[in-house]
Amino acid sequence: MTDAIPLEYTVLTRRYFRPIKTPYKAFFRYVRHIITTPFRSRYGASLINRHVGTDVPPIWQQEFENRKVLIVGSGPSLDRVDPEFFARFDTIVYINFAVRCMRGSGAEYFFTTDNGPVREFMDAYDDEVFLTLGKDHCVIAPVFLDQFQMMLPLGRELFTWLRPDAAGWRAQKLRLGPFRLPLMLRYHPRQPDWNSFKIPPPGRVLPAIDHTSALSAVLFAASQGSRDIGMIGCDFSAGRAAGANSSQDVPDARTFSGARQEFEKMALPLKAQGVSLVNHSWLV
């Protein structure tokens, strides 16, 4: 979770999340976070592996295989399209706060790789959108493997969980004053080698991409059988959603650092395997 998330848990979010204090506001809590992250991330990976089975909701094949899928982010291009644009697609996958735009008809999904936005969305609104969509249509492919144990069983049951195809140790850089140093080890999903990438078969195993949940959602749609995938609100630049009910007036260029390049690398092997991927965010 980031330090943008409120310090206090609401009555609602305490039903779904363990009330863990953010480590970024107190020095000793921060040190403890650095020391315990290797264990927590490795243990979280083990819990996820045990939790995620091989069963796939039958509705996924019906709503993804050979269907036109739209991945919806919260970027400014979302404001430049009208409702008719969404009608071109059979299935819509909303990333994090973009679920505010849910139309309430057709095949709709919530997708994330980080449970922080889930908690923030609940704090700003409530849990109704997740309960309305249902577990089969709320998908989490965690990029932070220790987040599994940050959720209570009731929270975990809101989602159909995916597990990474591979994970390993890596040093995470932390900011200390003007310096960024590799101070913390984290067990983390391994990133795809796009030169040899093969689309995963339909199932519950999926690479979790670092830069943005939208890229993982693309792989989710492709792995479930879609061969025509579009994106909107995935600008990977200025004007991203800063929170559940706000926008970022002065965008931080680091937020999506590398996302556009990763998208371009991803599009090549997908195209070679028969998947059309178009980011309409840059075309409208």
Protein backbone atom coordinates (compact mmCIF):
# COMPACT_ATOMS: atom_id res chain seq x y z
CA MET A 1 0.00 0.00 0.00
CA THR A 2 1.11 3.56 -0.54
CA ASP A 3 1.22 6.45 1.88
CA ALA A 4 -1.68 8.02 -0.03
CA ILE A 5 -4.05 5.53 1.60
CA PRO A 6 -5.77 6.89 4.73
CA LEU A 7 -4.13 5.97 8.04
CA GLU A 8 -7.39 4.95 9.68
CA TYR A 9 -9.51 2.05 8.53
CA THR A 10 -13.24 2.64 8.30
CA VAL A 11 -15.79 0.32 9.85
CA LEU A 12 -16.48 -1.05 6.36
CA THR A 13 -12.88 -1.72 5.37
CA ARG A 14 -12.21 -3.41 8.72
CA ARG A 15 -14.61 -6.10 7.53
CA TYR A 16 -12.31 -6.89 4.61
CA PHE A 17 -8.77 -5.77 5.61
CA ARG A 18 -6.51 -6.32 8.56
CA PRO A 19 -5.93 -2.91 10.18
CA ILE A 20 -2.22 -2.57 9.38
CA LYS A 21 -0.62 0.80 10.03
CA THR A 22 1.20 2.32 7.08
CA PRO A 23 4.98 2.00 7.57
CA TYR A 24 5.87 5.29 5.89
CA LYS A 25 4.92 7.67 8.69
CA ALA A 26 7.14 6.37 11.51
CA PHE A 27 10.84 5.52 11.35
CA PHE A 28 10.80 2.32 13.43
CA ARG A 29 7.71 1.06 11.63
CA TYR A 30 9.51 1.71 8.35
CA VAL A 31 12.58 -0.24 9.50
CA ARG A 32 10.39 -3.13 10.61
CA HIS A 33 8.69 -3.07 7.21
CA ILE A 34 12.07 -3.40 5.46
CA ILE A 35 13.16 -6.27 7.72
CA THR A 36 9.94 -8.28 7.51
CA THR A 37 9.07 -7.81 3.83
CA PRO A 38 11.23 -10.75 2.61
CA PHE A 39 9.40 -13.17 4.89
CA ARG A 40 5.95 -11.67 4.34
CA SER A 41 6.26 -11.63 0.54
CA ARG A 42 7.58 -15.21 0.40
CA TYR A 43 4.91 -16.43 2.79
CA GLY A 44 2.26 -14.56 0.83
CA ALA A 45 3.35 -16.31 -2.35
CA SER A 46 2.93 -19.67 -0.61
CA LEU A 47 -0.55 -18.73 0.61
CA ILE A 48 -1.59 -17.59 -2.86
CA ASN A 49 -0.30 -20.81 -4.43
CA ARG A 50 -2.37 -22.83 -1.97
CA HIS A 51 -5.44 -20.62 -2.35
CA VAL A 52 -5.55 -20.51 -6.15
CA GLY A 53 -6.89 -23.67 -7.69
CA THR A 54 -7.24 -24.73 -11.29
CA ASP A 55 -10.97 -24.12 -11.54
CA VAL A 56 -11.97 -21.30 -13.88
CA PRO A 57 -15.39 -19.64 -13.72
CA PRO A 58 -17.30 -21.05 -16.74
CA ILE A 59 -18.55 -17.56 -17.59
CA TRP A 60 -15.01 -16.49 -18.52
CA GLN A 61 -14.94 -18.57 -21.68
CA GLN A 62 -18.33 -17.25 -22.71
CA GLU A 63 -17.37 -13.61 -22.13
CA PHE A 64 -13.78 -13.63 -23.43
CA GLU A 65 -13.21 -16.30 -26.04
CA ASN A 66 -13.33 -14.64 -29.48
CA ARG A 67 -14.92 -11.55 -27.90
CA LYS A 68 -13.93 -7.92 -28.34
CA VAL A 69 -12.60 -6.75 -24.98
CA LEU A 70 -12.02 -3.19 -23.76
CA ILE A 71 -9.59 -2.45 -20.91
CA VAL A 72 -10.66 0.79 -19.18
CA GLY A 73 -8.26 2.91 -17.10
CA SER A 74 -8.76 6.29 -15.44
CA GLY A 75 -6.69 8.47 -17.79
CA PRO A 76 -7.96 11.66 -19.49
CA SER A 77 -8.74 9.93 -22.78
CA LEU A 78 -11.70 8.38 -20.99
CA ASP A 79 -13.34 11.82 -21.12
CA ARG A 80 -12.94 12.05 -24.88
CA VAL A 81 -15.18 9.14 -25.87
CA ASP A 82 -18.96 8.86 -25.88
CA PRO A 83 -21.13 5.90 -24.81
CA GLU A 84 -21.23 4.60 -28.39
CA PHE A 85 -17.51 3.84 -28.15
CA PHE A 86 -18.12 1.25 -25.40
CA ALA A 87 -20.86 -0.38 -27.47
CA ARG A 88 -18.22 -1.62 -29.92
CA PHE A 89 -16.99 -4.14 -27.34
CA ASP A 90 -18.51 -7.30 -25.92
CA THR A 91 -16.70 -7.34 -22.57
CA ILE A 92 -15.36 -4.42 -20.51
CA VAL A 93 -12.64 -4.73 -17.87
CA TYR A 94 -12.33 -1.77 -15.47
CA ILE A 95 -8.97 -1.12 -13.83
CA ASN A 96 -8.99 0.09 -10.21
CA PHE A 97 -10.86 3.42 -9.86
CA ALA A 98 -12.19 3.23 -13.41
CA VAL A 99 -14.91 0.96 -12.03
CA ARG A 100 -16.68 4.23 -11.12
CA CYS A 101 -17.62 4.32 -14.82
CA MET A 102 -19.30 0.93 -14.79
CA ARG A 103 -22.27 0.99 -17.13
CA GLY A 104 -24.25 -1.72 -15.35
CA SER A 105 -25.01 -3.73 -18.47
CA GLY A 106 -23.30 -6.41 -20.50
CA ALA A 107 -20.23 -8.34 -19.41
CA GLU A 108 -18.25 -6.15 -16.98
CA TYR A 109 -15.24 -6.94 -14.80
CA PHE A 110 -13.13 -5.30 -12.11
CA PHE A 111 -9.41 -6.05 -12.33
CA THR A 112 -6.45 -5.05 -10.19
CA THR A 113 -2.95 -6.13 -9.23
CA ASP A 114 -2.94 -4.11 -5.98
CA ASN A 115 -5.48 -4.27 -3.16
CA GLY A 116 -4.65 -0.70 -2.05
CA PRO A 117 -7.07 0.88 -4.57
CA VAL A 118 -9.76 -1.58 -3.43
CA ARG A 119 -9.53 -0.32 0.12
CA GLU A 120 -9.41 3.32 -1.00
CA PHE A 121 -12.44 2.84 -3.25
CA MET A 122 -14.39 1.34 -0.35
CA ASP A 123 -13.38 4.23 1.90
CA ALA A 124 -14.64 6.74 -0.67
CA TYR A 125 -17.78 4.85 -1.67
CA ASP A 126 -18.66 1.40 -0.33
CA ASP A 127 -18.42 -2.27 -1.26
CA GLU A 128 -21.57 -2.34 -3.40
CA VAL A 129 -19.80 -2.43 -6.78
CA PHE A 130 -17.83 -5.54 -5.82
CA LEU A 131 -20.86 -7.28 -4.39
CA THR A 132 -22.88 -6.39 -7.49
CA LEU A 133 -20.27 -7.69 -9.92
CA GLY A 134 -19.71 -10.84 -7.89
CA LYS A 135 -16.61 -12.93 -7.32
CA ASP A 136 -16.42 -14.29 -10.88
CA HIS A 137 -16.24 -10.74 -12.24
CA CYS A 138 -13.77 -9.30 -9.70
CA VAL A 139 -10.25 -10.47 -10.46
CA ILE A 140 -7.00 -9.81 -8.64
CA ALA A 141 -3.58 -10.84 -9.96
CA PRO A 142 -1.38 -9.59 -7.10
CA VAL A 143 1.92 -7.96 -7.90
CA PHE A 144 2.64 -7.50 -4.16
CA LEU A 145 2.48 -11.03 -2.85
CA ASP A 146 2.32 -10.06 0.83
CA GLN A 147 -1.03 -8.34 0.25
CA PHE A 148 -2.85 -11.66 0.40
CA GLN A 149 -2.46 -11.83 4.19
CA MET A 150 -3.39 -8.14 4.51
CA MET A 151 -6.95 -9.12 3.61
CA LEU A 152 -9.35 -10.96 5.88
CA PRO A 153 -11.09 -14.09 4.54
CA LEU A 154 -14.21 -12.06 3.73
CA GLY A 155 -12.10 -9.69 1.64
CA ARG A 156 -10.33 -12.49 -0.19
CA GLU A 157 -13.68 -13.99 -1.10
CA LEU A 158 -14.65 -10.84 -3.00
CA PHE A 159 -12.21 -11.85 -5.74
CA THR A 160 -11.19 -14.64 -8.01
CA TRP A 161 -7.44 -14.73 -7.42
CA LEU A 162 -4.78 -15.45 -10.00
CA ARG A 163 -1.23 -16.49 -9.20
CA PRO A 164 1.96 -15.49 -11.04
CA ASP A 165 3.50 -18.01 -13.40
CA ALA A 166 6.89 -17.51 -11.72
CA ALA A 167 8.38 -15.45 -8.90
CA GLY A 168 11.80 -14.78 -7.45
CA TRP A 169 13.82 -12.50 -5.21
CA ARG A 170 14.72 -8.98 -6.18
CA ALA A 171 16.12 -5.91 -4.47
CA GLN A 172 13.66 -3.06 -4.21
CA LYS A 173 15.04 0.46 -4.26
CA LEU A 174 13.94 2.74 -1.44
CA ARG A 175 14.26 6.50 -1.27
CA LEU A 176 16.45 7.89 1.49
CA GLY A 177 16.76 11.64 1.01
CA PRO A 178 18.20 12.23 -2.47
CA PHE A 179 19.29 8.60 -2.80
CA ARG A 180 17.58 5.45 -4.06
CA LEU A 181 19.27 2.36 -2.69
CA PRO A 182 18.55 -1.39 -3.06
CA LEU A 183 17.75 -1.85 0.61
CA MET A 184 14.87 -4.33 0.69
CA LEU A 185 14.46 -7.83 -0.64
CA ARG A 186 11.01 -8.76 -1.90
CA TYR A 187 9.71 -12.01 -3.35
CA HIS A 188 8.06 -10.75 -6.50
CA PRO A 189 6.39 -11.98 -9.70
CA ARG A 190 8.95 -12.38 -12.46
CA GLN A 191 8.40 -10.15 -15.46
CA PRO A 192 7.84 -11.72 -18.91
CA ASP A 193 10.59 -12.05 -21.47
CA TRP A 194 8.72 -10.62 -24.43
CA ASN A 195 11.20 -12.18 -26.88
CA SER A 196 9.99 -15.65 -25.96
CA PHE A 197 6.55 -14.87 -24.51
CA LYS A 198 3.67 -17.29 -25.09
CA ILE A 199 0.11 -16.44 -24.15
CA PRO A 200 -0.85 -18.52 -21.10
CA PRO A 201 -3.67 -21.01 -21.59
CA PRO A 202 -7.05 -20.27 -19.99
CA GLY A 203 -6.67 -20.71 -16.26
CA ARG A 204 -5.68 -19.06 -13.00
CA VAL A 205 -1.97 -18.48 -13.76
CA LEU A 206 -0.91 -15.11 -15.16
CA PRO A 207 2.17 -12.85 -15.23
CA ALA A 208 1.61 -9.77 -13.05
CA ILE A 209 3.19 -6.75 -14.77
CA ASP A 210 4.83 -4.11 -12.59
CA HIS A 211 4.00 -0.85 -14.34
CA THR A 212 0.21 -0.84 -14.33
CA SER A 213 -2.67 -3.24 -13.78
CA ALA A 214 -3.89 -2.46 -17.30
CA LEU A 215 -1.06 -4.46 -18.88
CA SER A 216 -1.84 -7.49 -16.73
CA ALA A 217 -5.51 -7.12 -17.68
CA VAL A 218 -4.52 -7.30 -21.36
CA LEU A 219 -2.77 -10.61 -20.70
CA PHE A 220 -5.78 -11.82 -18.73
CA ALA A 221 -8.12 -11.12 -21.64
CA ALA A 222 -5.74 -12.74 -24.15
CA SER A 223 -5.24 -15.82 -21.98
CA GLN A 224 -9.01 -16.30 -21.73
CA GLY A 225 -9.35 -16.31 -25.51
CA SER A 226 -9.90 -12.74 -26.69
CA ARG A 227 -8.15 -11.91 -29.95
CA ASP A 228 -9.35 -8.30 -30.25
CA ILE A 229 -8.38 -6.10 -27.29
CA GLY A 230 -8.71 -2.33 -27.00
CA MET A 231 -7.70 0.10 -24.29
CA ILE A 232 -9.06 3.49 -23.22
CA GLY A 233 -8.10 5.68 -20.28
CA CYS A 234 -4.69 3.99 -20.39
CA ASP A 235 -2.72 7.07 -21.41
CA PHE A 236 0.36 6.12 -19.37
CA SER A 237 1.08 9.83 -18.95
CA ALA A 238 -0.57 12.94 -17.54
CA GLY A 239 -3.86 13.11 -15.69
CA ARG A 240 -4.06 9.71 -14.09
CA ALA A 241 -6.49 9.18 -11.23
CA ALA A 242 -4.76 10.16 -8.00
CA GLY A 243 -7.42 8.57 -5.87
CA ALA A 244 -10.86 7.07 -5.80
CA ASN A 245 -12.63 10.39 -6.19
CA SER A 246 -9.97 12.78 -7.47
CA SER A 247 -7.62 13.41 -10.37
CA GLN A 248 -3.96 14.34 -10.35
CA ASP A 249 -3.48 17.97 -11.34
CA VAL A 250 0.31 17.74 -11.46
CA PRO A 251 1.10 14.24 -12.67
CA ASP A 252 4.12 12.39 -11.38
CA ALA A 253 6.04 11.13 -14.40
CA ARG A 254 7.41 8.24 -12.34
CA THR A 255 3.95 6.73 -11.86
CA PHE A 256 3.86 5.00 -15.25
CA SER A 257 7.59 5.04 -15.92
CA GLY A 258 8.23 2.42 -18.55
CA ALA A 259 4.57 1.50 -19.09
CA ARG A 260 4.41 2.75 -22.67
CA GLN A 261 7.60 0.93 -23.62
CA GLU A 262 6.31 -2.22 -21.93
CA PHE A 263 3.05 -1.94 -23.88
CA GLU A 264 4.95 -1.69 -27.17
CA LYS A 265 7.10 -4.71 -26.28
CA MET A 266 4.01 -6.68 -25.30
CA ALA A 267 2.09 -5.87 -28.49
CA LEU A 268 4.65 -7.60 -30.73
CA PRO A 269 4.38 -11.18 -29.37
CA LEU A 270 0.62 -10.79 -28.99
CA LYS A 271 0.32 -9.80 -32.64
CA ALA A 272 2.49 -12.76 -33.67
CA GLN A 273 0.04 -15.02 -31.81
CA GLY A 274 -3.03 -13.55 -33.45
CA VAL A 275 -4.08 -10.94 -30.88
CA SER A 276 -4.89 -7.41 -32.05
CA LEU A 277 -4.05 -4.86 -29.34
CA VAL A 278 -4.97 -1.21 -29.89
CA ASN A 279 -4.56 1.56 -27.31
CA HIS A 280 -7.35 3.97 -28.28
CA SER A 281 -6.16 6.29 -25.52
CA TRP A 282 -3.62 7.73 -27.96
CA LEU A 283 -6.04 7.89 -30.88
CA VAL A 284 -8.97 9.90 -29.52
